[in-house]
Amino acid sequence: MVHFVGAGPGAADLITMRGHKLLSEADVVIYAGSLVNKEILNYSKKDAEIHNSAQMTLEEVIEVIKKAEGENKVTVRLHTGDSSIYGAVREQMDVLKSLDIQYDVVPGVSSFCGAAASLKAEYTLPDVSQSVIITRMEGRTPVPERESIRSFAAHKSTMVLFLSSGLSEELSKELIAGGYDGETPVAVVYKATWPDERVFRCTIESLPQTMKENNISKTALILVGNFLGDDYDRSELYNPAFTHEFRKGVR
């Protein structure tokens, strides 16, 4: 059996209880070493076989799993955050399916949730933004034209950008070209929830300079939008005048 487990955003104690249990029982652990906090490996068995997938290809990962299956061992494939976001898990699961190897998926806390917690922010504020766009800049890996930063920026919704720290100058230009005001607030969260987390606040226009001055080129999320400001409407959910299923108001 193979368990795909989301390790959480960084802090070792932010792995889920289910993920922790499976990790502590696993005979073989394959972890995304470039992103997963190694402290989380302390939850694994002392005699567990550990593999760092940062240096491995898909084919090599599958070979380790096949060997473990042949020896009737349990494998945990440990991904950063939640594996459904930029986790490259579909290709692994499809191969396992073709080999008739059983697997399941355990969700994790994504770094975009960890970043919001670090900022004490709410992405969806009434009359500010009710949508969150999770995306990335085009780099060596292409992005469909219909999903370009410029096209998304036209909505002026909350945006969370993964894998874009080294492209901040291009990102700033694309956001402004798409419709964002250059003074729109931005938060850069480096290694969200890790012990060495750092947070920088700036604007879309000043983003490239902020990244350069602080030597940030990877392992950071870039959050864009007026949810980072102070102006918003009170929610109707806890408004005493508002009627809903559990409470009677005047309207």
C-alpha atoms as a PDB file:
ATOM      1  CA  MET A   1       0.000   0.000   0.000  1.00  0.00           C
ATOM      2  CA  VAL A   2       1.187   3.516  -0.809  1.00  0.00           C
ATOM      3  CA  HIS A   3      -0.008   6.583   1.079  1.00  0.00           C
ATOM      4  CA  PHE A   4       0.444  10.013  -0.496  1.00  0.00           C
ATOM      5  CA  VAL A   5       0.690  12.313   2.513  1.00  0.00           C
ATOM      6  CA  GLY A   6       0.671  16.106   2.606  1.00  0.00           C
ATOM      7  CA  ALA A   7       3.396  17.113   5.065  1.00  0.00           C
ATOM      8  CA  GLY A   8       1.986  20.594   5.666  1.00  0.00           C
ATOM      9  CA  PRO A   9       3.503  24.017   4.973  1.00  0.00           C
ATOM     10  CA  GLY A  10       6.701  23.634   6.986  1.00  0.00           C
ATOM     11  CA  ALA A  11       6.292  23.478  10.750  1.00  0.00           C
ATOM     12  CA  ALA A  12       6.647  19.837  11.780  1.00  0.00           C
ATOM     13  CA  ASP A  13       3.560  19.888  13.981  1.00  0.00           C
ATOM     14  CA  LEU A  14       1.303  21.037  11.144  1.00  0.00           C
ATOM     15  CA  ILE A  15       1.149  17.589   9.560  1.00  0.00           C
ATOM     16  CA  THR A  16      -2.326  16.101  10.055  1.00  0.00           C
ATOM     17  CA  MET A  17      -2.980  13.465  12.699  1.00  0.00           C
ATOM     18  CA  ARG A  18      -3.715  10.906   9.979  1.00  0.00           C
ATOM     19  CA  GLY A  19      -0.524  11.799   8.141  1.00  0.00           C
ATOM     20  CA  HIS A  20       1.477  11.537  11.356  1.00  0.00           C
ATOM     21  CA  LYS A  21       0.038   8.077  12.104  1.00  0.00           C
ATOM     22  CA  LEU A  22       0.791   6.728   8.641  1.00  0.00           C
ATOM     23  CA  LEU A  23       4.288   8.199   8.652  1.00  0.00           C
ATOM     24  CA  SER A  24       5.037   6.628  12.044  1.00  0.00           C
ATOM     25  CA  GLU A  25       3.974   3.215  10.715  1.00  0.00           C
ATOM     26  CA  ALA A  26       5.597   3.329   7.275  1.00  0.00           C
ATOM     27  CA  ASP A  27       8.395   0.946   6.313  1.00  0.00           C
ATOM     28  CA  VAL A  28       9.506   3.142   3.415  1.00  0.00           C
ATOM     29  CA  VAL A  29       9.339   6.957   3.206  1.00  0.00           C
ATOM     30  CA  ILE A  30       9.958   8.897   0.011  1.00  0.00           C
ATOM     31  CA  TYR A  31       9.971  12.596   0.811  1.00  0.00           C
ATOM     32  CA  ALA A  32      10.297  15.749  -1.296  1.00  0.00           C
ATOM     33  CA  GLY A  33      13.610  16.786   0.212  1.00  0.00           C
ATOM     34  CA  SER A  34      13.841  20.179  -1.455  1.00  0.00           C
ATOM     35  CA  LEU A  35      10.697  21.388   0.320  1.00  0.00           C
ATOM     36  CA  VAL A  36       9.668  19.127   3.205  1.00  0.00           C
ATOM     37  CA  ASN A  37      10.998  20.047   6.647  1.00  0.00           C
ATOM     38  CA  LYS A  38      13.340  17.202   7.626  1.00  0.00           C
ATOM     39  CA  GLU A  39      12.156  17.462  11.231  1.00  0.00           C
ATOM     40  CA  ILE A  40       8.979  15.723  10.099  1.00  0.00           C
ATOM     41  CA  LEU A  41      11.051  12.606   9.414  1.00  0.00           C
ATOM     42  CA  ASN A  42      11.536  12.296  13.176  1.00  0.00           C
ATOM     43  CA  TYR A  43       7.983  10.930  13.242  1.00  0.00           C
ATOM     44  CA  SER A  44       9.015   7.935  11.140  1.00  0.00           C
ATOM     45  CA  LYS A  45      10.176   4.589  12.518  1.00  0.00           C
ATOM     46  CA  LYS A  46      13.845   4.300  13.448  1.00  0.00           C
ATOM     47  CA  ASP A  47      14.322   1.468  10.964  1.00  0.00           C
ATOM     48  CA  ALA A  48      12.303   3.083   8.167  1.00  0.00           C
ATOM     49  CA  GLU A  49      13.952   3.222   4.771  1.00  0.00           C
ATOM     50  CA  ILE A  50      14.200   6.918   3.787  1.00  0.00           C
ATOM     51  CA  HIS A  51      14.559   8.254   0.248  1.00  0.00           C
ATOM     52  CA  ASN A  52      14.959  11.898  -0.795  1.00  0.00           C
ATOM     53  CA  SER A  53      13.090  12.387  -4.073  1.00  0.00           C
ATOM     54  CA  ALA A  54      14.823  15.703  -4.812  1.00  0.00           C
ATOM     55  CA  GLN A  55      17.521  13.763  -6.677  1.00  0.00           C
ATOM     56  CA  MET A  56      15.191  11.124  -8.101  1.00  0.00           C
ATOM     57  CA  THR A  57      13.239  10.773 -11.335  1.00  0.00           C
ATOM     58  CA  LEU A  58       9.670   9.520 -11.549  1.00  0.00           C
ATOM     59  CA  GLU A  59      10.977   6.175 -12.740  1.00  0.00           C
ATOM     60  CA  GLU A  60      13.313   5.885  -9.748  1.00  0.00           C
ATOM     61  CA  VAL A  61      10.499   6.717  -7.323  1.00  0.00           C
ATOM     62  CA  ILE A  62       8.339   4.009  -8.885  1.00  0.00           C
ATOM     63  CA  GLU A  63      11.153   1.458  -8.644  1.00  0.00           C
ATOM     64  CA  VAL A  64      11.476   2.099  -4.897  1.00  0.00           C
ATOM     65  CA  ILE A  65       7.720   1.641  -4.499  1.00  0.00           C
ATOM     66  CA  LYS A  66       7.699  -1.537  -6.594  1.00  0.00           C
ATOM     67  CA  LYS A  67      10.497  -3.009  -4.471  1.00  0.00           C
ATOM     68  CA  ALA A  68       8.624  -2.137  -1.270  1.00  0.00           C
ATOM     69  CA  GLU A  69       5.432  -3.706  -2.620  1.00  0.00           C
ATOM     70  CA  GLY A  70       7.333  -6.863  -3.515  1.00  0.00           C
ATOM     71  CA  GLU A  71       8.509  -7.067   0.096  1.00  0.00           C
ATOM     72  CA  ASN A  72       4.995  -6.390   1.432  1.00  0.00           C
ATOM     73  CA  LYS A  73       6.053  -3.066   2.937  1.00  0.00           C
ATOM     74  CA  VAL A  74       4.008   0.108   3.481  1.00  0.00           C
ATOM     75  CA  THR A  75       5.217   3.241   1.694  1.00  0.00           C
ATOM     76  CA  VAL A  76       4.525   6.878   2.502  1.00  0.00           C
ATOM     77  CA  ARG A  77       5.126   9.328  -0.324  1.00  0.00           C
ATOM     78  CA  LEU A  78       5.572  12.579   1.594  1.00  0.00           C
ATOM     79  CA  HIS A  79       4.844  15.776  -0.308  1.00  0.00           C
ATOM     80  CA  THR A  80       5.086  19.382   0.819  1.00  0.00           C
ATOM     81  CA  GLY A  81       1.905  21.252   1.799  1.00  0.00           C
ATOM     82  CA  ASP A  82      -1.022  19.528   0.134  1.00  0.00           C
ATOM     83  CA  SER A  83      -0.015  17.261  -2.737  1.00  0.00           C
ATOM     84  CA  SER A  84      -2.872  18.456  -4.959  1.00  0.00           C
ATOM     85  CA  ILE A  85      -1.176  21.837  -5.531  1.00  0.00           C
ATOM     86  CA  TYR A  86       1.963  21.661  -7.704  1.00  0.00           C
ATOM     87  CA  GLY A  87       2.685  18.228  -6.274  1.00  0.00           C
ATOM     88  CA  ALA A  88       3.258  16.281  -9.522  1.00  0.00           C
ATOM     89  CA  VAL A  89       1.251  13.424  -8.008  1.00  0.00           C
ATOM     90  CA  ARG A  90      -1.117  12.556 -10.845  1.00  0.00           C
ATOM     91  CA  GLU A  91       1.662  11.024 -12.912  1.00  0.00           C
ATOM     92  CA  GLN A  92       2.752   8.886  -9.954  1.00  0.00           C
ATOM     93  CA  MET A  93      -0.771   7.697  -9.229  1.00  0.00           C
ATOM     94  CA  ASP A  94      -1.413   6.822 -12.869  1.00  0.00           C
ATOM     95  CA  VAL A  95       1.687   4.608 -12.952  1.00  0.00           C
ATOM     96  CA  LEU A  96       0.673   2.899  -9.697  1.00  0.00           C
ATOM     97  CA  LYS A  97      -2.789   2.306 -11.123  1.00  0.00           C
ATOM     98  CA  SER A  98      -1.298   0.716 -14.254  1.00  0.00           C
ATOM     99  CA  LEU A  99       0.787  -1.556 -12.000  1.00  0.00           C
ATOM    100  CA  ASP A 100      -2.268  -2.451  -9.883  1.00  0.00           C
ATOM    101  CA  ILE A 101      -0.614  -1.009  -6.767  1.00  0.00           C
ATOM    102  CA  GLN A 102      -3.111   0.273  -4.213  1.00  0.00           C
ATOM    103  CA  TYR A 103      -2.763   3.845  -2.965  1.00  0.00           C
ATOM    104  CA  ASP A 104      -4.667   6.558  -1.141  1.00  0.00           C
ATOM    105  CA  VAL A 105      -4.229  10.278  -0.526  1.00  0.00           C
ATOM    106  CA  VAL A 106      -4.070  12.155   2.775  1.00  0.00           C
ATOM    107  CA  PRO A 107      -4.627  15.919   2.437  1.00  0.00           C
ATOM    108  CA  GLY A 108      -2.263  18.384   4.038  1.00  0.00           C
ATOM    109  CA  VAL A 109      -2.218  22.039   5.041  1.00  0.00           C
ATOM    110  CA  SER A 110      -1.076  24.011   1.997  1.00  0.00           C
ATOM    111  CA  SER A 111       1.509  26.748   2.339  1.00  0.00           C
ATOM    112  CA  PHE A 112      -1.029  29.273   1.062  1.00  0.00           C
ATOM    113  CA  CYS A 113      -3.030  28.547   4.221  1.00  0.00           C
ATOM    114  CA  GLY A 114       0.121  28.731   6.308  1.00  0.00           C
ATOM    115  CA  ALA A 115       0.997  32.092   4.782  1.00  0.00           C
ATOM    116  CA  ALA A 116      -2.440  33.536   5.587  1.00  0.00           C
ATOM    117  CA  ALA A 117      -2.080  32.318   9.166  1.00  0.00           C
ATOM    118  CA  SER A 118       1.333  33.941   9.471  1.00  0.00           C
ATOM    119  CA  LEU A 119      -0.113  37.217   8.195  1.00  0.00           C
ATOM    120  CA  LYS A 120      -3.245  36.851  10.340  1.00  0.00           C
ATOM    121  CA  ALA A 121      -5.105  37.561   7.111  1.00  0.00           C
ATOM    122  CA  GLU A 122      -8.388  36.491   5.514  1.00  0.00           C
ATOM    123  CA  TYR A 123      -8.292  35.995   1.762  1.00  0.00           C
ATOM    124  CA  THR A 124     -12.031  36.452   1.228  1.00  0.00           C
ATOM    125  CA  LEU A 125     -13.230  39.758   2.645  1.00  0.00           C
ATOM    126  CA  PRO A 126     -16.766  41.052   1.943  1.00  0.00           C
ATOM    127  CA  ASP A 127     -16.821  43.688  -0.807  1.00  0.00           C
ATOM    128  CA  VAL A 128     -13.067  43.236  -1.387  1.00  0.00           C
ATOM    129  CA  SER A 129     -12.558  39.771  -2.847  1.00  0.00           C
ATOM    130  CA  GLN A 130     -14.596  36.584  -2.735  1.00  0.00           C
ATOM    131  CA  SER A 131     -12.256  34.550  -4.916  1.00  0.00           C
ATOM    132  CA  VAL A 132      -8.685  33.277  -4.544  1.00  0.00           C
ATOM    133  CA  ILE A 133      -6.615  32.589  -7.638  1.00  0.00           C
ATOM    134  CA  ILE A 134      -3.745  30.173  -7.038  1.00  0.00           C
ATOM    135  CA  THR A 135      -1.290  30.279  -9.905  1.00  0.00           C
ATOM    136  CA  ARG A 136       2.330  30.820 -10.923  1.00  0.00           C
ATOM    137  CA  MET A 137       4.406  32.755 -13.397  1.00  0.00           C
ATOM    138  CA  GLU A 138       5.489  31.071 -16.601  1.00  0.00           C
ATOM    139  CA  GLY A 139       9.132  30.043 -16.404  1.00  0.00           C
ATOM    140  CA  ARG A 140      10.902  26.990 -17.779  1.00  0.00           C
ATOM    141  CA  THR A 141       7.589  25.175 -17.432  1.00  0.00           C
ATOM    142  CA  PRO A 142       4.925  26.774 -19.650  1.00  0.00           C
ATOM    143  CA  VAL A 143       1.518  28.047 -18.553  1.00  0.00           C
ATOM    144  CA  PRO A 144      -1.527  27.953 -20.877  1.00  0.00           C
ATOM    145  CA  GLU A 145      -2.186  31.380 -22.431  1.00  0.00           C
ATOM    146  CA  ARG A 146      -5.726  31.387 -21.049  1.00  0.00           C
ATOM    147  CA  GLU A 147      -4.187  31.208 -17.551  1.00  0.00           C
ATOM    148  CA  SER A 148      -1.650  34.000 -17.939  1.00  0.00           C
ATOM    149  CA  ILE A 149      -0.992  36.327 -15.011  1.00  0.00           C
ATOM    150  CA  ARG A 150      -2.193  39.218 -17.146  1.00  0.00           C
ATOM    151  CA  SER A 151      -5.577  37.594 -17.823  1.00  0.00           C
ATOM    152  CA  PHE A 152      -6.101  36.687 -14.164  1.00  0.00           C
ATOM    153  CA  ALA A 153      -5.086  40.162 -13.009  1.00  0.00           C
ATOM    154  CA  ALA A 154      -8.056  41.618 -14.878  1.00  0.00           C
ATOM    155  CA  HIS A 155     -10.329  40.151 -12.184  1.00  0.00           C
ATOM    156  CA  LYS A 156      -8.469  41.986  -9.383  1.00  0.00           C
ATOM    157  CA  SER A 157      -9.233  39.053  -7.111  1.00  0.00           C
ATOM    158  CA  THR A 158      -6.947  37.814  -4.373  1.00  0.00           C
ATOM    159  CA  MET A 159      -3.949  36.078  -5.943  1.00  0.00           C
ATOM    160  CA  VAL A 160      -1.504  33.604  -4.435  1.00  0.00           C
ATOM    161  CA  LEU A 161       1.565  32.976  -6.533  1.00  0.00           C
ATOM    162  CA  PHE A 162       3.650  29.857  -6.134  1.00  0.00           C
ATOM    163  CA  LEU A 163       6.987  29.194  -7.848  1.00  0.00           C
ATOM    164  CA  SER A 164       7.372  32.813  -8.913  1.00  0.00           C
ATOM    165  CA  SER A 165       9.912  34.322  -6.506  1.00  0.00           C
ATOM    166  CA  GLY A 166      12.691  34.397  -9.078  1.00  0.00           C
ATOM    167  CA  LEU A 167      10.483  36.166 -11.622  1.00  0.00           C
ATOM    168  CA  SER A 168       9.257  39.117  -9.572  1.00  0.00           C
ATOM    169  CA  GLU A 169      10.147  41.793 -12.119  1.00  0.00           C
ATOM    170  CA  GLU A 170       8.165  40.104 -14.880  1.00  0.00           C
ATOM    171  CA  LEU A 171       5.380  39.331 -12.418  1.00  0.00           C
ATOM    172  CA  SER A 172       5.050  42.962 -11.380  1.00  0.00           C
ATOM    173  CA  LYS A 173       4.788  44.085 -14.997  1.00  0.00           C
ATOM    174  CA  GLU A 174       2.192  41.446 -15.866  1.00  0.00           C
ATOM    175  CA  LEU A 175       0.015  42.260 -12.851  1.00  0.00           C
ATOM    176  CA  ILE A 176      -0.030  45.957 -13.720  1.00  0.00           C
ATOM    177  CA  ALA A 177      -0.586  45.287 -17.421  1.00  0.00           C
ATOM    178  CA  GLY A 178      -3.544  43.075 -16.496  1.00  0.00           C
ATOM    179  CA  GLY A 179      -5.323  45.744 -14.480  1.00  0.00           C
ATOM    180  CA  TYR A 180      -3.960  45.894 -10.949  1.00  0.00           C
ATOM    181  CA  ASP A 181      -2.952  49.307  -9.646  1.00  0.00           C
ATOM    182  CA  GLY A 182       0.783  49.492  -8.954  1.00  0.00           C
ATOM    183  CA  GLU A 183       0.028  50.486  -5.363  1.00  0.00           C
ATOM    184  CA  THR A 184      -1.958  47.302  -4.679  1.00  0.00           C
ATOM    185  CA  PRO A 185      -0.568  45.728  -1.503  1.00  0.00           C
ATOM    186  CA  VAL A 186       1.619  42.629  -1.638  1.00  0.00           C
ATOM    187  CA  ALA A 187       2.936  40.293   1.048  1.00  0.00           C
ATOM    188  CA  VAL A 188       5.902  38.018   0.453  1.00  0.00           C
ATOM    189  CA  VAL A 189       6.031  35.094   2.881  1.00  0.00           C
ATOM    190  CA  TYR A 190       9.336  33.250   2.811  1.00  0.00           C
ATOM    191  CA  LYS A 191       9.155  29.669   4.155  1.00  0.00           C
ATOM    192  CA  ALA A 192       5.726  30.055   5.725  1.00  0.00           C
ATOM    193  CA  THR A 193       5.475  28.481   9.221  1.00  0.00           C
ATOM    194  CA  TRP A 194       9.135  27.364   9.215  1.00  0.00           C
ATOM    195  CA  PRO A 195      11.347  28.517  12.128  1.00  0.00           C
ATOM    196  CA  ASP A 196      13.195  30.867   9.738  1.00  0.00           C
ATOM    197  CA  GLU A 197      10.024  32.339   8.202  1.00  0.00           C
ATOM    198  CA  ARG A 198      10.256  35.943   7.026  1.00  0.00           C
ATOM    199  CA  VAL A 199       7.505  38.317   5.890  1.00  0.00           C
ATOM    200  CA  PHE A 200       7.887  41.381   3.699  1.00  0.00           C
ATOM    201  CA  ARG A 201       5.156  43.846   2.793  1.00  0.00           C
ATOM    202  CA  CYS A 202       5.324  46.030  -0.276  1.00  0.00           C
ATOM    203  CA  THR A 203       3.283  46.933  -3.363  1.00  0.00           C
ATOM    204  CA  ILE A 204       3.107  45.416  -6.816  1.00  0.00           C
ATOM    205  CA  GLU A 205       5.303  48.224  -8.091  1.00  0.00           C
ATOM    206  CA  SER A 206       7.946  47.831  -5.379  1.00  0.00           C
ATOM    207  CA  LEU A 207       7.903  44.013  -5.381  1.00  0.00           C
ATOM    208  CA  PRO A 208      11.046  43.474  -7.509  1.00  0.00           C
ATOM    209  CA  GLN A 209      13.109  45.813  -5.346  1.00  0.00           C
ATOM    210  CA  THR A 210      11.823  44.189  -2.152  1.00  0.00           C
ATOM    211  CA  MET A 211      12.785  40.744  -3.423  1.00  0.00           C
ATOM    212  CA  LYS A 212      16.220  41.958  -4.495  1.00  0.00           C
ATOM    213  CA  GLU A 213      16.987  43.793  -1.248  1.00  0.00           C
ATOM    214  CA  ASN A 214      16.098  40.732   0.814  1.00  0.00           C
ATOM    215  CA  ASN A 215      17.713  38.138  -1.455  1.00  0.00           C
ATOM    216  CA  ILE A 216      14.467  36.219  -1.959  1.00  0.00           C
ATOM    217  CA  SER A 217      14.472  34.101  -5.106  1.00  0.00           C
ATOM    218  CA  LYS A 218      12.791  30.843  -4.051  1.00  0.00           C
ATOM    219  CA  THR A 219      10.697  29.123  -1.348  1.00  0.00           C
ATOM    220  CA  ALA A 220       8.369  32.095  -0.952  1.00  0.00           C
ATOM    221  CA  LEU A 221       4.731  32.825  -1.693  1.00  0.00           C
ATOM    222  CA  ILE A 222       3.680  36.142  -3.178  1.00  0.00           C
ATOM    223  CA  LEU A 223       0.217  37.270  -2.069  1.00  0.00           C
ATOM    224  CA  VAL A 224      -1.489  40.054  -3.983  1.00  0.00           C
ATOM    225  CA  GLY A 225      -4.669  41.980  -3.316  1.00  0.00           C
ATOM    226  CA  ASN A 226      -6.605  44.478  -1.274  1.00  0.00           C
ATOM    227  CA  PHE A 227      -7.416  41.794   1.295  1.00  0.00           C
ATOM    228  CA  LEU A 228      -4.096  42.953   2.754  1.00  0.00           C
ATOM    229  CA  GLY A 229      -5.597  46.400   3.401  1.00  0.00           C
ATOM    230  CA  ASP A 230      -7.919  47.602   6.135  1.00  0.00           C
ATOM    231  CA  ASP A 231     -11.100  48.438   4.206  1.00  0.00           C
ATOM    232  CA  TYR A 232     -13.851  45.814   4.038  1.00  0.00           C
ATOM    233  CA  ASP A 233     -17.519  45.307   4.894  1.00  0.00           C
ATOM    234  CA  ARG A 234     -18.759  43.410   7.920  1.00  0.00           C
ATOM    235  CA  SER A 235     -19.969  39.911   7.055  1.00  0.00           C
ATOM    236  CA  GLU A 236     -23.666  39.133   7.088  1.00  0.00           C
ATOM    237  CA  LEU A 237     -23.018  35.822   8.855  1.00  0.00           C
ATOM    238  CA  TYR A 238     -22.685  37.427  12.291  1.00  0.00           C
ATOM    239  CA  ASN A 239     -24.788  40.515  11.615  1.00  0.00           C
ATOM    240  CA  PRO A 240     -27.648  40.574  14.186  1.00  0.00           C
ATOM    241  CA  ALA A 241     -29.979  42.061  11.584  1.00  0.00           C
ATOM    242  CA  PHE A 242     -29.449  39.233   9.124  1.00  0.00           C
ATOM    243  CA  THR A 243     -31.733  36.169   9.176  1.00  0.00           C
ATOM    244  CA  HIS A 244     -30.404  32.734   8.360  1.00  0.00           C
ATOM    245  CA  GLU A 245     -31.135  29.097   9.204  1.00  0.00           C
ATOM    246  CA  PHE A 246     -29.858  29.313  12.775  1.00  0.00           C
ATOM    247  CA  ARG A 247     -30.812  32.828  13.828  1.00  0.00           C
ATOM    248  CA  LYS A 248     -33.706  35.275  13.323  1.00  0.00           C
ATOM    249  CA  GLY A 249     -32.948  38.879  12.409  1.00  0.00           C
ATOM    250  CA  VAL A 250     -34.971  41.766  11.034  1.00  0.00           C
ATOM    251  CA  ARG A 251     -34.220  40.886   7.417  1.00  0.00           C
END
